[in-house]
Amino acid sequence: MKNLSASFGFTLIELMVTISILAILAAVAVPNFQSTIEAAKHRGVISDLNASIALARSEAVKRGVPVVVAAKVAGANGLGKGWRIFVDDPANAGVFSASTPLLLDQAPYDNSVTVGLGTMAGASELLTFAAAGNVVLGAAGTGNRLIVSTGSGSRGTLCLAFGGRSRYVDKNIGASACA
C-alpha cells in the first residue's frame, strides 16, 4: 500500500528561488530589449521619411508641378513634430494653406525623435521637388543630407541626391556621410 501523505506541489522556498531567478533574468534582459525598441523606432522614422520623399518626388513628376515636404512646426526639430506634403502654390511658395492640395499629413513623433535637414534647407525645414522630380534648394540650402536621431543611441543620415533619390547611411552624420 502506498503512503498518500506525500504531497505534490511546490514549497514556498522553491517558489521564492524560481521568482528570484526570473527577476534576475528580467533585470538583465530589459536593457537589451530597450535598445531593440529604440532601433525599431528609428527604422520606423527612416521608413516614414523615405516613403514621404518618394511620394513627394513621384507626385511632382506625375502632376508636373512642384511638390513640397514641409515641417508642420517651424524651428528646431520641426520635422520631428510631423510634416506635410502638398502641391506648391507659386503665388505663395512653400507655404501650406487651406486652398493647397494636401497629399500627406504625417503625425508627430514623441519627443525622443529628432529629424533635421542638416544643411539641406536652413531653419525652414522645407524640401521642394520640381516637376522633373529633382530637389530644388533655396538660398540657404547647400547640402544633401537629413539627420535623423531617435533617443540617445540611434542616429543616422538619410542622404538625398539632387535628382531626388534617397538612401540611408547608418550612424554617420558627418559632412562625408553622403559623399
Foldseek 3Di string as FASTA:
>chain_A
DDDPPDDDDDDPVVVVVVVVVVVVVCVVCVVVVVVVVQVVVQVVVVVVVQVVLVVQLVCLQVVVAKKKWFFPDFFFQSCLQWTWIWGADVVDGPDDDPPIGTDDTGHHDDPQKGKAFVQAAPRRRMWMAHSQSFTDYDPSHDAFWIWIGGHDPWIWIWGADRSRHIDIDGPDPDRPRRD
